[in-house]
Amino acid sequence: MIAVKNHKHAKDNKNAHLRNQITVDQVLKSDVISEPLTIYHCSPVSDGAAALILVSGDLAREYDNPVYITGSGMSTDSIGLYARDSITSLKATELAAASAFRESGRTIKDVDILELHDAAESHHAGKPERFHFAPRLAVVVTHDAGHAVASP
């Protein structure tokens, strides 16, 4: 079960929000948040930050290893699990990824590493596979509980 694995990885991470190990039984018996997800399937409210400094291509070339944004995508969909085709898919994510690839003129074969955020276990399950990332890539899945898991 993903929640148990994630808590195990966070246990020894001094930066993790929740560092307690849990059992499958605890997950299954915890309060339901949105059927069938329980509290342990969902990330806690956490404070965090990320920063990205965008500069022109001319300025970026002055740095050793600049990263260029060649495509982006955005989409919306129903947030309710009951309105989705599958609880492990988020149509908006799939549409946004397709848009970004189309705009960039690139394909999944051009991607070496990917970072994904999963606010709930239902987002984590199957996400890399839906975009045909796994098992070829190093996929880093971040979670609000303060841990990251890399899988080859």
N, C-alpha and C. Protein backbone atom coordinates (compact mmCIF):
# COMPACT_ATOMS: atom_id res chain seq x y z
N MET A 1 0.85 -1.17 0.00
CA MET A 1 0.00 0.00 0.00
C MET A 1 0.90 1.24 0.00
N ILE A 2 0.57 2.18 -0.84
CA ILE A 2 1.40 3.36 -1.06
C ILE A 2 1.59 4.18 0.22
N ALA A 3 0.53 4.38 0.99
CA ALA A 3 0.64 5.18 2.22
C ALA A 3 1.63 4.57 3.20
N VAL A 4 1.60 3.26 3.34
CA VAL A 4 2.52 2.58 4.26
C VAL A 4 3.97 2.75 3.77
N LYS A 5 4.18 2.56 2.48
CA LYS A 5 5.51 2.72 1.88
C LYS A 5 6.02 4.15 2.07
N ASN A 6 5.16 5.12 1.80
CA ASN A 6 5.58 6.53 1.92
C ASN A 6 5.95 6.89 3.35
N HIS A 7 5.18 6.42 4.32
CA HIS A 7 5.51 6.69 5.72
C HIS A 7 6.81 6.00 6.12
N LYS A 8 7.05 4.81 5.57
CA LYS A 8 8.31 4.11 5.86
C LYS A 8 9.49 4.93 5.35
N HIS A 9 9.37 5.48 4.14
CA HIS A 9 10.46 6.29 3.57
C HIS A 9 10.65 7.60 4.36
N ALA A 10 9.59 8.14 4.92
CA ALA A 10 9.67 9.41 5.66
C ALA A 10 10.21 9.23 7.07
N LYS A 11 10.14 8.02 7.59
CA LYS A 11 10.50 7.75 8.99
C LYS A 11 11.85 8.31 9.39
N ASP A 12 12.86 8.15 8.55
CA ASP A 12 14.21 8.59 8.89
C ASP A 12 14.59 9.91 8.23
N ASN A 13 13.63 10.58 7.61
CA ASN A 13 13.89 11.86 6.95
C ASN A 13 13.64 12.99 7.95
N LYS A 14 14.70 13.63 8.40
CA LYS A 14 14.56 14.68 9.42
C LYS A 14 13.71 15.85 8.93
N ASN A 15 13.54 15.99 7.62
CA ASN A 15 12.74 17.08 7.08
C ASN A 15 11.28 16.69 6.83
N ALA A 16 10.95 15.44 7.07
CA ALA A 16 9.58 14.98 6.81
C ALA A 16 8.62 15.57 7.84
N HIS A 17 7.44 15.91 7.36
CA HIS A 17 6.39 16.43 8.24
C HIS A 17 5.92 15.33 9.19
N LEU A 18 5.61 14.17 8.65
CA LEU A 18 5.16 13.03 9.44
C LEU A 18 6.20 11.93 9.35
N ARG A 19 6.79 11.57 10.49
CA ARG A 19 7.87 10.59 10.50
C ARG A 19 7.46 9.30 11.18
N ASN A 20 6.18 9.06 11.31
CA ASN A 20 5.72 7.86 11.97
C ASN A 20 5.41 6.76 10.96
N GLN A 21 5.78 5.53 11.32
CA GLN A 21 5.43 4.40 10.47
C GLN A 21 3.99 4.02 10.75
N ILE A 22 3.30 3.53 9.72
CA ILE A 22 1.91 3.10 9.87
C ILE A 22 1.76 1.71 9.26
N THR A 23 0.67 1.07 9.62
CA THR A 23 0.40 -0.27 9.10
C THR A 23 -0.78 -0.21 8.13
N VAL A 24 -0.91 -1.26 7.35
CA VAL A 24 -2.05 -1.36 6.43
C VAL A 24 -3.35 -1.31 7.23
N ASP A 25 -3.39 -1.98 8.37
CA ASP A 25 -4.59 -1.98 9.20
C ASP A 25 -4.95 -0.56 9.67
N GLN A 26 -3.94 0.23 10.05
CA GLN A 26 -4.19 1.62 10.47
C GLN A 26 -4.78 2.43 9.31
N VAL A 27 -4.25 2.23 8.12
CA VAL A 27 -4.75 2.95 6.95
C VAL A 27 -6.21 2.60 6.71
N LEU A 28 -6.50 1.31 6.70
CA LEU A 28 -7.86 0.86 6.39
C LEU A 28 -8.88 1.26 7.45
N LYS A 29 -8.44 1.40 8.70
CA LYS A 29 -9.35 1.75 9.78
C LYS A 29 -9.41 3.25 10.08
N SER A 30 -8.63 4.05 9.34
CA SER A 30 -8.62 5.49 9.62
C SER A 30 -9.84 6.17 9.00
N ASP A 31 -10.09 7.41 9.42
CA ASP A 31 -11.28 8.15 8.98
C ASP A 31 -11.31 8.31 7.46
N VAL A 32 -12.50 8.15 6.90
CA VAL A 32 -12.69 8.32 5.47
C VAL A 32 -12.71 9.81 5.16
N ILE A 33 -11.94 10.22 4.15
CA ILE A 33 -11.92 11.61 3.70
C ILE A 33 -12.84 11.78 2.50
N SER A 34 -12.68 10.93 1.52
CA SER A 34 -13.54 10.90 0.34
C SER A 34 -13.50 9.47 -0.17
N GLU A 35 -14.57 8.76 0.02
CA GLU A 35 -14.65 7.34 -0.32
C GLU A 35 -13.97 7.04 -1.65
N PRO A 36 -13.03 6.14 -1.72
CA PRO A 36 -12.57 5.20 -0.69
C PRO A 36 -11.31 5.67 0.06
N LEU A 37 -10.93 6.92 -0.11
CA LEU A 37 -9.70 7.42 0.51
C LEU A 37 -9.88 7.72 1.99
N THR A 38 -8.92 7.24 2.78
CA THR A 38 -8.92 7.55 4.21
C THR A 38 -7.88 8.63 4.49
N ILE A 39 -7.80 9.05 5.71
CA ILE A 39 -6.89 10.14 6.07
C ILE A 39 -5.44 9.82 5.72
N TYR A 40 -5.04 8.55 5.83
CA TYR A 40 -3.67 8.18 5.51
C TYR A 40 -3.40 8.11 4.01
N HIS A 41 -4.45 8.11 3.20
CA HIS A 41 -4.27 8.15 1.75
C HIS A 41 -4.03 9.57 1.26
N CYS A 42 -4.25 10.55 2.11
CA CYS A 42 -4.18 11.97 1.73
C CYS A 42 -3.03 12.66 2.45
N SER A 43 -2.45 13.64 1.80
CA SER A 43 -1.34 14.35 2.42
C SER A 43 -1.86 15.33 3.47
N PRO A 44 -1.06 15.58 4.50
CA PRO A 44 -1.45 16.56 5.51
C PRO A 44 -1.23 17.98 4.98
N VAL A 45 -1.81 18.93 5.66
CA VAL A 45 -1.54 20.32 5.31
C VAL A 45 -0.12 20.63 5.75
N SER A 46 0.70 21.07 4.83
CA SER A 46 2.10 21.34 5.12
C SER A 46 2.50 22.65 4.46
N ASP A 47 3.46 23.31 5.04
CA ASP A 47 4.01 24.50 4.41
C ASP A 47 5.29 24.11 3.70
N GLY A 48 5.46 24.67 2.55
CA GLY A 48 6.67 24.39 1.78
C GLY A 48 6.81 25.45 0.71
N ALA A 49 7.85 25.38 -0.02
CA ALA A 49 8.07 26.38 -1.06
C ALA A 49 8.96 25.81 -2.15
N ALA A 50 8.83 26.39 -3.30
CA ALA A 50 9.70 26.11 -4.42
C ALA A 50 9.90 27.43 -5.14
N ALA A 51 11.02 27.56 -5.79
CA ALA A 51 11.30 28.81 -6.51
C ALA A 51 11.88 28.49 -7.87
N LEU A 52 11.54 29.31 -8.81
CA LEU A 52 12.05 29.19 -10.16
C LEU A 52 12.31 30.61 -10.65
N ILE A 53 13.51 30.83 -11.12
CA ILE A 53 13.85 32.15 -11.64
C ILE A 53 13.88 32.04 -13.16
N LEU A 54 13.01 32.77 -13.82
CA LEU A 54 12.93 32.77 -15.27
C LEU A 54 13.70 33.95 -15.83
N VAL A 55 14.53 33.66 -16.82
CA VAL A 55 15.29 34.72 -17.48
C VAL A 55 15.20 34.50 -18.99
N SER A 56 15.64 35.45 -19.74
CA SER A 56 15.65 35.33 -21.20
C SER A 56 16.64 34.26 -21.63
N GLY A 57 16.45 33.76 -22.84
CA GLY A 57 17.38 32.78 -23.39
C GLY A 57 18.79 33.31 -23.47
N ASP A 58 18.93 34.59 -23.80
CA ASP A 58 20.26 35.20 -23.89
C ASP A 58 20.97 35.16 -22.54
N LEU A 59 20.27 35.52 -21.48
CA LEU A 59 20.87 35.49 -20.15
C LEU A 59 21.12 34.05 -19.70
N ALA A 60 20.20 33.14 -20.01
CA ALA A 60 20.37 31.74 -19.60
C ALA A 60 21.65 31.14 -20.17
N ARG A 61 22.02 31.53 -21.37
CA ARG A 61 23.22 30.99 -22.00
C ARG A 61 24.50 31.34 -21.24
N GLU A 62 24.44 32.30 -20.34
CA GLU A 62 25.61 32.67 -19.54
C GLU A 62 25.88 31.67 -18.42
N TYR A 63 24.96 30.75 -18.18
CA TYR A 63 25.10 29.76 -17.10
C TYR A 63 25.54 28.42 -17.68
N ASP A 64 26.17 27.59 -16.83
CA ASP A 64 26.73 26.32 -17.29
C ASP A 64 25.69 25.35 -17.84
N ASN A 65 24.62 25.15 -17.14
CA ASN A 65 23.62 24.16 -17.55
C ASN A 65 22.22 24.75 -17.50
N PRO A 66 21.92 25.68 -18.39
CA PRO A 66 20.59 26.28 -18.34
C PRO A 66 19.50 25.27 -18.71
N VAL A 67 18.34 25.47 -18.17
CA VAL A 67 17.18 24.65 -18.49
C VAL A 67 16.21 25.54 -19.24
N TYR A 68 15.75 25.07 -20.37
CA TYR A 68 14.82 25.85 -21.18
C TYR A 68 13.43 25.25 -21.09
N ILE A 69 12.45 26.11 -20.88
CA ILE A 69 11.06 25.67 -20.89
C ILE A 69 10.59 25.77 -22.33
N THR A 70 10.32 24.63 -22.91
CA THR A 70 9.94 24.61 -24.32
C THR A 70 8.45 24.36 -24.52
N GLY A 71 7.76 24.03 -23.44
CA GLY A 71 6.33 23.82 -23.56
C GLY A 71 5.69 23.83 -22.19
N SER A 72 4.45 24.22 -22.14
CA SER A 72 3.69 24.17 -20.89
C SER A 72 2.25 23.85 -21.23
N GLY A 73 1.53 23.35 -20.28
CA GLY A 73 0.13 23.02 -20.50
C GLY A 73 -0.67 23.26 -19.25
N MET A 74 -1.94 23.52 -19.43
CA MET A 74 -2.83 23.76 -18.30
C MET A 74 -4.22 23.24 -18.68
N SER A 75 -4.90 22.67 -17.71
CA SER A 75 -6.24 22.16 -17.96
C SER A 75 -6.98 22.06 -16.63
N THR A 76 -8.28 21.94 -16.68
CA THR A 76 -9.08 21.75 -15.47
C THR A 76 -10.00 20.56 -15.67
N ASP A 77 -10.49 20.04 -14.57
CA ASP A 77 -11.36 18.87 -14.59
C ASP A 77 -12.12 18.83 -13.27
N SER A 78 -12.98 17.88 -13.11
CA SER A 78 -13.72 17.71 -11.87
C SER A 78 -12.78 17.23 -10.78
N ILE A 79 -12.89 17.84 -9.60
CA ILE A 79 -12.07 17.41 -8.48
C ILE A 79 -12.70 16.22 -7.76
N GLY A 80 -13.99 16.04 -7.92
CA GLY A 80 -14.69 14.96 -7.23
C GLY A 80 -14.34 13.59 -7.77
N LEU A 81 -13.96 12.68 -6.87
CA LEU A 81 -13.63 11.32 -7.29
C LEU A 81 -14.81 10.65 -7.99
N TYR A 82 -16.01 10.96 -7.53
CA TYR A 82 -17.21 10.33 -8.08
C TYR A 82 -17.43 10.70 -9.56
N ALA A 83 -16.87 11.79 -10.02
CA ALA A 83 -17.10 12.27 -11.38
C ALA A 83 -16.00 11.85 -12.35
N ARG A 84 -15.03 11.09 -11.88
CA ARG A 84 -13.91 10.69 -12.73
C ARG A 84 -14.14 9.31 -13.33
N ASP A 85 -13.49 9.08 -14.46
CA ASP A 85 -13.54 7.75 -15.08
C ASP A 85 -12.85 6.72 -14.19
N SER A 86 -11.81 7.16 -13.48
CA SER A 86 -11.04 6.30 -12.59
C SER A 86 -10.52 7.15 -11.45
N ILE A 87 -10.47 6.59 -10.23
CA ILE A 87 -9.96 7.39 -9.11
C ILE A 87 -8.45 7.56 -9.18
N THR A 88 -7.79 6.80 -10.05
CA THR A 88 -6.34 6.94 -10.17
C THR A 88 -5.93 7.80 -11.35
N SER A 89 -6.89 8.49 -11.95
CA SER A 89 -6.53 9.37 -13.06
C SER A 89 -7.09 10.76 -12.82
N LEU A 90 -6.41 11.72 -13.38
CA LEU A 90 -6.85 13.10 -13.32
C LEU A 90 -6.75 13.63 -14.75
N LYS A 91 -7.87 13.68 -15.42
CA LYS A 91 -7.91 14.04 -16.84
C LYS A 91 -7.17 15.35 -17.11
N ALA A 92 -7.29 16.32 -16.20
CA ALA A 92 -6.63 17.61 -16.39
C ALA A 92 -5.12 17.44 -16.52
N THR A 93 -4.53 16.55 -15.74
CA THR A 93 -3.09 16.32 -15.81
C THR A 93 -2.72 15.73 -17.16
N GLU A 94 -3.50 14.78 -17.62
CA GLU A 94 -3.23 14.15 -18.92
C GLU A 94 -3.35 15.16 -20.06
N LEU A 95 -4.38 16.00 -20.01
CA LEU A 95 -4.57 17.02 -21.05
C LEU A 95 -3.46 18.07 -21.02
N ALA A 96 -3.06 18.49 -19.83
CA ALA A 96 -1.99 19.48 -19.70
C ALA A 96 -0.66 18.92 -20.21
N ALA A 97 -0.37 17.67 -19.89
CA ALA A 97 0.87 17.05 -20.37
C ALA A 97 0.87 16.95 -21.89
N ALA A 98 -0.26 16.55 -22.46
CA ALA A 98 -0.36 16.45 -23.92
C ALA A 98 -0.14 17.81 -24.57
N SER A 99 -0.70 18.84 -23.97
CA SER A 99 -0.55 20.20 -24.48
C SER A 99 0.91 20.65 -24.42
N ALA A 100 1.58 20.37 -23.31
CA ALA A 100 2.98 20.76 -23.15
C ALA A 100 3.87 20.05 -24.16
N PHE A 101 3.63 18.76 -24.36
CA PHE A 101 4.42 18.02 -25.35
C PHE A 101 4.18 18.56 -26.76
N ARG A 102 2.93 18.83 -27.07
CA ARG A 102 2.59 19.37 -28.39
C ARG A 102 3.28 20.72 -28.62
N GLU A 103 3.20 21.60 -27.63
CA GLU A 103 3.81 22.94 -27.75
C GLU A 103 5.32 22.86 -27.89
N SER A 104 5.94 21.92 -27.17
CA SER A 104 7.40 21.82 -27.18
C SER A 104 7.95 21.11 -28.41
N GLY A 105 7.09 20.37 -29.09
CA GLY A 105 7.57 19.58 -30.22
C GLY A 105 8.38 18.37 -29.78
N ARG A 106 8.24 18.01 -28.51
CA ARG A 106 8.99 16.88 -27.97
C ARG A 106 8.02 15.74 -27.64
N THR A 107 8.61 14.57 -27.35
CA THR A 107 7.81 13.41 -26.95
C THR A 107 8.34 12.90 -25.63
N ILE A 108 7.68 11.92 -25.10
CA ILE A 108 8.08 11.33 -23.83
C ILE A 108 9.50 10.74 -23.92
N LYS A 109 9.93 10.36 -25.09
CA LYS A 109 11.28 9.80 -25.27
C LYS A 109 12.36 10.83 -25.01
N ASP A 110 12.00 12.12 -25.01
CA ASP A 110 12.96 13.19 -24.76
C ASP A 110 13.12 13.51 -23.27
N VAL A 111 12.34 12.87 -22.42
CA VAL A 111 12.34 13.17 -20.98
C VAL A 111 13.26 12.20 -20.25
N ASP A 112 14.15 12.74 -19.42
CA ASP A 112 15.08 11.92 -18.65
C ASP A 112 14.67 11.76 -17.19
N ILE A 113 14.07 12.79 -16.62
CA ILE A 113 13.63 12.73 -15.22
C ILE A 113 12.35 13.53 -15.10
N LEU A 114 11.52 13.10 -14.19
CA LEU A 114 10.22 13.72 -14.01
C LEU A 114 9.92 13.82 -12.52
N GLU A 115 9.40 14.95 -12.10
CA GLU A 115 8.95 15.09 -10.72
C GLU A 115 7.43 15.22 -10.74
N LEU A 116 6.78 14.41 -9.93
CA LEU A 116 5.33 14.43 -9.83
C LEU A 116 4.93 14.70 -8.38
N HIS A 117 3.85 15.40 -8.20
CA HIS A 117 3.30 15.64 -6.86
C HIS A 117 2.05 14.82 -6.71
N ASP A 118 1.91 14.18 -5.58
CA ASP A 118 0.69 13.41 -5.32
C ASP A 118 0.08 13.83 -3.99
N ALA A 119 -0.99 14.59 -4.06
CA ALA A 119 -1.65 15.05 -2.84
C ALA A 119 -2.45 13.93 -2.18
N ALA A 120 -2.78 12.92 -2.95
CA ALA A 120 -3.52 11.78 -2.40
C ALA A 120 -3.01 10.52 -3.07
N GLU A 121 -3.16 9.42 -2.38
CA GLU A 121 -2.66 8.15 -2.89
C GLU A 121 -3.26 7.83 -4.26
N SER A 122 -4.48 8.25 -4.50
CA SER A 122 -5.10 7.96 -5.79
C SER A 122 -4.38 8.67 -6.93
N HIS A 123 -3.69 9.78 -6.64
CA HIS A 123 -2.91 10.46 -7.67
C HIS A 123 -1.60 9.73 -7.93
N HIS A 124 -1.04 9.17 -6.88
CA HIS A 124 0.26 8.48 -6.97
C HIS A 124 0.12 7.20 -7.80
N ALA A 125 -0.91 6.45 -7.53
CA ALA A 125 -1.08 5.14 -8.17
C ALA A 125 -1.27 5.29 -9.68
N GLY A 126 -0.35 4.74 -10.41
CA GLY A 126 -0.49 4.71 -11.86
C GLY A 126 -0.12 5.97 -12.61
N LYS A 127 0.22 7.07 -11.91
CA LYS A 127 0.50 8.31 -12.64
C LYS A 127 1.68 8.18 -13.60
N PRO A 128 2.83 7.69 -13.18
CA PRO A 128 3.93 7.58 -14.14
C PRO A 128 3.59 6.69 -15.34
N GLU A 129 2.87 5.61 -15.09
CA GLU A 129 2.52 4.69 -16.16
C GLU A 129 1.57 5.34 -17.17
N ARG A 130 0.67 6.19 -16.72
CA ARG A 130 -0.29 6.83 -17.63
C ARG A 130 0.42 7.70 -18.66
N PHE A 131 1.57 8.23 -18.29
CA PHE A 131 2.32 9.06 -19.23
C PHE A 131 3.45 8.28 -19.89
N HIS A 132 3.47 6.96 -19.69
CA HIS A 132 4.46 6.07 -20.29
C HIS A 132 5.88 6.38 -19.82
N PHE A 133 6.02 6.86 -18.57
CA PHE A 133 7.34 7.17 -18.02
C PHE A 133 8.00 5.92 -17.44
N ALA A 134 7.25 5.14 -16.72
CA ALA A 134 7.83 3.99 -16.04
C ALA A 134 7.92 2.82 -17.01
N PRO A 135 8.89 1.95 -16.91
CA PRO A 135 9.96 1.95 -15.92
C PRO A 135 11.24 2.62 -16.43
N ARG A 136 11.22 3.25 -17.61
CA ARG A 136 12.42 3.78 -18.25
C ARG A 136 13.07 4.91 -17.47
N LEU A 137 12.29 5.73 -16.81
CA LEU A 137 12.82 6.96 -16.20
C LEU A 137 13.05 6.85 -14.72
N ALA A 138 13.87 7.76 -14.23
CA ALA A 138 13.94 7.99 -12.79
C ALA A 138 12.77 8.91 -12.49
N VAL A 139 11.79 8.40 -11.79
CA VAL A 139 10.60 9.19 -11.47
C VAL A 139 10.67 9.55 -10.00
N VAL A 140 10.57 10.83 -9.71
CA VAL A 140 10.58 11.30 -8.33
C VAL A 140 9.18 11.75 -8.00
N VAL A 141 8.59 11.12 -6.99
CA VAL A 141 7.25 11.48 -6.57
C VAL A 141 7.34 12.20 -5.24
N THR A 142 6.92 13.45 -5.19
CA THR A 142 6.96 14.20 -3.95
C THR A 142 5.59 14.18 -3.31
N HIS A 143 5.56 14.29 -2.02
CA HIS A 143 4.32 14.18 -1.28
C HIS A 143 4.36 15.19 -0.14
N ASP A 144 3.24 15.75 0.20
CA ASP A 144 3.21 16.75 1.25
C ASP A 144 3.67 16.24 2.61
N ALA A 145 3.75 14.93 2.78
CA ALA A 145 4.23 14.39 4.05
C ALA A 145 5.74 14.59 4.20
N GLY A 146 6.38 15.17 3.18
CA GLY A 146 7.77 15.55 3.31
C GLY A 146 8.77 14.50 2.89
N HIS A 147 8.43 13.70 1.92
CA HIS A 147 9.40 12.72 1.48
C HIS A 147 9.37 12.62 -0.04
N ALA A 148 10.42 12.12 -0.57
CA ALA A 148 10.50 11.88 -2.01
C ALA A 148 10.97 10.45 -2.23
N VAL A 149 10.40 9.81 -3.20
CA VAL A 149 10.74 8.44 -3.51
C VAL A 149 11.20 8.40 -4.96
N ALA A 150 12.36 7.88 -5.22
CA ALA A 150 12.84 7.77 -6.59
C ALA A 150 12.79 6.30 -6.99
N SER A 151 12.33 6.06 -8.19
CA SER A 151 12.31 4.68 -8.68
C SER A 151 12.90 4.65 -10.08
N PRO A 152 13.80 3.71 -10.35
CA PRO A 152 14.44 3.65 -11.66
C PRO A 152 13.47 3.17 -12.72
